Structure formats: C-alpha cells, structure tokens
Amino acid sequence: MKTVKVYGPGCKRCETTEAMVKEAAQKLGLDVEVEKVTDQKSIAMAGVMSTPGIAVDGKLVHAGGVPDAVKLEGWLSA
C-alpha cells in the first residue's frame, strides 16, 4: 500500500488534487492511503513552498498547482 499526502490549506485546488489522487489510484487498481495535511507548519516542514503539494511514500513529487493527470499516474505507479 502506498501512502500519499496531499499538502494544502483546504482550497479548491487542494480538494481537486486529493480527488485526482483517489481517481488515479482507482484507475490503476492501486491500494493507497490518502492523508490530507492542512497544518501550515507541517506543510512548510515537508518543503512545500506552493500548494497543493503531493508526497508519495514520503517523497515530495509535486508542489504548486493542480498536477498533470499522466504525471500523477506515473508517481503512483513508481
């Protein structure tokens, strides 16, 4: 099981990103645990300077803006 963290304050882009992660995992048939991180200190400590941010299994793979769906599937598949 992969662990995916979506970093962001709860804005529309962050909600969209969280939904995209869940949809991509379902499409790929992957079992993922999605955690939403909204605490500003935790976001900063993860190295996210622009939200939304995505970390897969502890590795920050994206920050700033809604991710590209194809790239997102690649991050989840790796």
N, C-alpha and C. Protein backbone atom coordinates (compact mmCIF):
# COMPACT_ATOMS: atom_id res chain seq x y z
N MET A 1 0.84 -1.18 0.00
CA MET A 1 0.00 0.00 0.00
C MET A 1 0.88 1.23 0.00
N LYS A 2 0.56 2.15 -0.87
CA LYS A 2 1.27 3.42 -0.93
C LYS A 2 0.59 4.44 -0.02
N THR A 3 1.39 5.30 0.54
CA THR A 3 0.88 6.40 1.35
C THR A 3 1.09 7.69 0.57
N VAL A 4 0.00 8.43 0.37
CA VAL A 4 0.06 9.69 -0.36
C VAL A 4 -0.43 10.80 0.55
N LYS A 5 0.38 11.85 0.66
CA LYS A 5 -0.02 13.02 1.44
C LYS A 5 -0.27 14.16 0.48
N VAL A 6 -1.42 14.80 0.65
CA VAL A 6 -1.76 15.99 -0.12
C VAL A 6 -1.65 17.18 0.83
N TYR A 7 -0.73 18.08 0.53
CA TYR A 7 -0.49 19.24 1.37
C TYR A 7 -1.22 20.47 0.83
N GLY A 8 -1.96 21.13 1.71
CA GLY A 8 -2.64 22.35 1.32
C GLY A 8 -3.62 22.80 2.38
N PRO A 9 -3.99 24.08 2.36
CA PRO A 9 -4.85 24.65 3.39
C PRO A 9 -6.33 24.29 3.26
N GLY A 10 -6.71 23.62 2.19
CA GLY A 10 -8.11 23.27 2.00
C GLY A 10 -8.77 24.05 0.89
N CYS A 11 -7.97 24.64 0.03
CA CYS A 11 -8.51 25.42 -1.09
C CYS A 11 -9.08 24.48 -2.16
N LYS A 12 -9.73 25.05 -3.14
CA LYS A 12 -10.35 24.27 -4.21
C LYS A 12 -9.31 23.44 -4.98
N ARG A 13 -8.15 24.02 -5.25
CA ARG A 13 -7.10 23.28 -5.96
C ARG A 13 -6.63 22.07 -5.15
N CYS A 14 -6.56 22.25 -3.83
CA CYS A 14 -6.13 21.15 -2.96
C CYS A 14 -7.17 20.03 -2.95
N GLU A 15 -8.43 20.40 -2.90
CA GLU A 15 -9.51 19.41 -2.94
C GLU A 15 -9.52 18.67 -4.27
N THR A 16 -9.29 19.41 -5.36
CA THR A 16 -9.24 18.81 -6.69
C THR A 16 -8.07 17.82 -6.78
N THR A 17 -6.93 18.21 -6.23
CA THR A 17 -5.75 17.35 -6.25
C THR A 17 -6.01 16.08 -5.46
N GLU A 18 -6.63 16.18 -4.30
CA GLU A 18 -6.94 15.00 -3.49
C GLU A 18 -7.87 14.05 -4.28
N ALA A 19 -8.87 14.61 -4.94
CA ALA A 19 -9.80 13.79 -5.74
C ALA A 19 -9.06 13.13 -6.90
N MET A 20 -8.14 13.86 -7.53
CA MET A 20 -7.36 13.30 -8.64
C MET A 20 -6.50 12.12 -8.18
N VAL A 21 -5.92 12.22 -7.00
CA VAL A 21 -5.09 11.13 -6.47
C VAL A 21 -5.95 9.89 -6.28
N LYS A 22 -7.12 10.05 -5.69
CA LYS A 22 -8.01 8.92 -5.46
C LYS A 22 -8.49 8.30 -6.77
N GLU A 23 -8.83 9.15 -7.74
CA GLU A 23 -9.28 8.65 -9.05
C GLU A 23 -8.18 7.90 -9.78
N ALA A 24 -6.96 8.44 -9.74
CA ALA A 24 -5.83 7.80 -10.42
C ALA A 24 -5.51 6.45 -9.78
N ALA A 25 -5.56 6.39 -8.46
CA ALA A 25 -5.29 5.13 -7.77
C ALA A 25 -6.34 4.08 -8.14
N GLN A 26 -7.58 4.50 -8.19
CA GLN A 26 -8.66 3.58 -8.55
C GLN A 26 -8.48 3.10 -9.99
N LYS A 27 -8.15 4.01 -10.89
CA LYS A 27 -7.96 3.68 -12.30
C LYS A 27 -6.83 2.66 -12.47
N LEU A 28 -5.76 2.83 -11.68
CA LEU A 28 -4.61 1.94 -11.77
C LEU A 28 -4.77 0.67 -10.93
N GLY A 29 -5.83 0.60 -10.15
CA GLY A 29 -6.06 -0.57 -9.30
C GLY A 29 -5.10 -0.65 -8.13
N LEU A 30 -4.66 0.51 -7.65
CA LEU A 30 -3.70 0.56 -6.55
C LEU A 30 -4.40 0.82 -5.22
N ASP A 31 -3.86 0.24 -4.18
CA ASP A 31 -4.38 0.46 -2.83
C ASP A 31 -3.54 1.58 -2.23
N VAL A 32 -4.15 2.74 -2.04
CA VAL A 32 -3.42 3.88 -1.48
C VAL A 32 -4.16 4.44 -0.27
N GLU A 33 -3.36 4.97 0.64
CA GLU A 33 -3.90 5.68 1.80
C GLU A 33 -3.62 7.16 1.54
N VAL A 34 -4.68 7.96 1.46
CA VAL A 34 -4.53 9.38 1.18
C VAL A 34 -4.73 10.16 2.47
N GLU A 35 -3.74 10.96 2.81
CA GLU A 35 -3.81 11.80 4.00
C GLU A 35 -3.75 13.26 3.56
N LYS A 36 -4.66 14.06 4.06
CA LYS A 36 -4.68 15.49 3.75
C LYS A 36 -4.00 16.23 4.90
N VAL A 37 -3.00 17.02 4.58
CA VAL A 37 -2.24 17.77 5.58
C VAL A 37 -2.56 19.25 5.40
N THR A 38 -3.20 19.85 6.40
CA THR A 38 -3.61 21.25 6.31
C THR A 38 -2.85 22.17 7.26
N ASP A 39 -2.09 21.61 8.17
CA ASP A 39 -1.34 22.40 9.15
C ASP A 39 -0.18 23.12 8.46
N GLN A 40 -0.14 24.44 8.56
CA GLN A 40 0.87 25.25 7.87
C GLN A 40 2.30 24.85 8.25
N LYS A 41 2.52 24.57 9.51
CA LYS A 41 3.86 24.19 9.97
C LYS A 41 4.27 22.87 9.33
N SER A 42 3.37 21.90 9.29
CA SER A 42 3.67 20.61 8.68
C SER A 42 3.92 20.74 7.18
N ILE A 43 3.16 21.62 6.55
CA ILE A 43 3.34 21.86 5.11
C ILE A 43 4.74 22.43 4.86
N ALA A 44 5.13 23.41 5.65
CA ALA A 44 6.45 24.03 5.49
C ALA A 44 7.57 23.04 5.79
N MET A 45 7.40 22.23 6.82
CA MET A 45 8.42 21.25 7.19
C MET A 45 8.60 20.18 6.11
N ALA A 46 7.57 19.95 5.32
CA ALA A 46 7.66 18.97 4.22
C ALA A 46 8.36 19.58 3.01
N GLY A 47 8.64 20.88 3.05
CA GLY A 47 9.33 21.54 1.95
C GLY A 47 8.40 22.06 0.86
N VAL A 48 7.10 22.11 1.16
CA VAL A 48 6.13 22.60 0.19
C VAL A 48 6.06 24.12 0.30
N MET A 49 6.52 24.80 -0.75
CA MET A 49 6.51 26.26 -0.74
C MET A 49 5.28 26.81 -1.44
N SER A 50 4.66 26.01 -2.29
CA SER A 50 3.46 26.41 -3.01
C SER A 50 2.50 25.22 -3.02
N THR A 51 1.26 25.46 -2.64
CA THR A 51 0.31 24.36 -2.55
C THR A 51 -0.56 24.29 -3.80
N PRO A 52 -1.15 23.16 -4.07
CA PRO A 52 -1.05 21.92 -3.31
C PRO A 52 0.26 21.18 -3.58
N GLY A 53 0.64 20.38 -2.61
CA GLY A 53 1.82 19.54 -2.73
C GLY A 53 1.42 18.08 -2.59
N ILE A 54 2.22 17.20 -3.17
CA ILE A 54 1.94 15.76 -3.09
C ILE A 54 3.23 15.04 -2.72
N ALA A 55 3.13 14.16 -1.74
CA ALA A 55 4.24 13.28 -1.37
C ALA A 55 3.75 11.84 -1.50
N VAL A 56 4.55 11.01 -2.16
CA VAL A 56 4.24 9.59 -2.30
C VAL A 56 5.28 8.81 -1.52
N ASP A 57 4.82 8.05 -0.54
CA ASP A 57 5.71 7.27 0.33
C ASP A 57 6.85 8.11 0.89
N GLY A 58 6.50 9.33 1.33
CA GLY A 58 7.46 10.19 2.00
C GLY A 58 8.31 11.06 1.07
N LYS A 59 8.18 10.89 -0.24
CA LYS A 59 8.98 11.68 -1.18
C LYS A 59 8.10 12.73 -1.83
N LEU A 60 8.49 14.00 -1.69
CA LEU A 60 7.74 15.10 -2.31
C LEU A 60 7.93 15.03 -3.82
N VAL A 61 6.81 14.88 -4.55
CA VAL A 61 6.88 14.74 -6.00
C VAL A 61 6.28 15.92 -6.75
N HIS A 62 5.52 16.77 -6.05
CA HIS A 62 4.85 17.88 -6.72
C HIS A 62 4.54 18.98 -5.72
N ALA A 63 4.64 20.22 -6.20
CA ALA A 63 4.23 21.37 -5.39
C ALA A 63 3.81 22.50 -6.33
N GLY A 64 2.69 23.10 -6.03
CA GLY A 64 2.23 24.26 -6.78
C GLY A 64 1.32 23.93 -7.94
N GLY A 65 0.04 24.13 -7.75
CA GLY A 65 -0.92 23.91 -8.83
C GLY A 65 -1.43 22.49 -8.91
N VAL A 66 -2.48 22.33 -9.68
CA VAL A 66 -3.07 21.01 -9.87
C VAL A 66 -2.12 20.21 -10.76
N PRO A 67 -1.81 18.97 -10.36
CA PRO A 67 -0.85 18.17 -11.14
C PRO A 67 -1.43 17.66 -12.45
N ASP A 68 -0.54 17.34 -13.38
CA ASP A 68 -0.91 16.71 -14.63
C ASP A 68 -1.33 15.27 -14.33
N ALA A 69 -2.47 14.83 -14.87
CA ALA A 69 -3.01 13.51 -14.58
C ALA A 69 -2.06 12.38 -14.98
N VAL A 70 -1.38 12.51 -16.11
CA VAL A 70 -0.45 11.47 -16.57
C VAL A 70 0.75 11.38 -15.63
N LYS A 71 1.27 12.52 -15.20
CA LYS A 71 2.40 12.51 -14.26
C LYS A 71 1.96 11.90 -12.93
N LEU A 72 0.77 12.24 -12.49
CA LEU A 72 0.25 11.71 -11.23
C LEU A 72 0.18 10.19 -11.29
N GLU A 73 -0.30 9.64 -12.37
CA GLU A 73 -0.35 8.17 -12.51
C GLU A 73 1.05 7.58 -12.47
N GLY A 74 2.00 8.27 -13.06
CA GLY A 74 3.39 7.81 -13.04
C GLY A 74 3.95 7.79 -11.63
N TRP A 75 3.68 8.82 -10.85
CA TRP A 75 4.16 8.87 -9.47
C TRP A 75 3.56 7.74 -8.65
N LEU A 76 2.29 7.45 -8.87
CA LEU A 76 1.63 6.41 -8.11
C LEU A 76 2.11 5.02 -8.53
N SER A 77 2.46 4.86 -9.80
CA SER A 77 2.89 3.57 -10.32
C SER A 77 4.32 3.23 -9.95
N ALA A 78 5.14 4.26 -9.69
CA ALA A 78 6.57 4.03 -9.42
C ALA A 78 6.80 3.27 -8.13
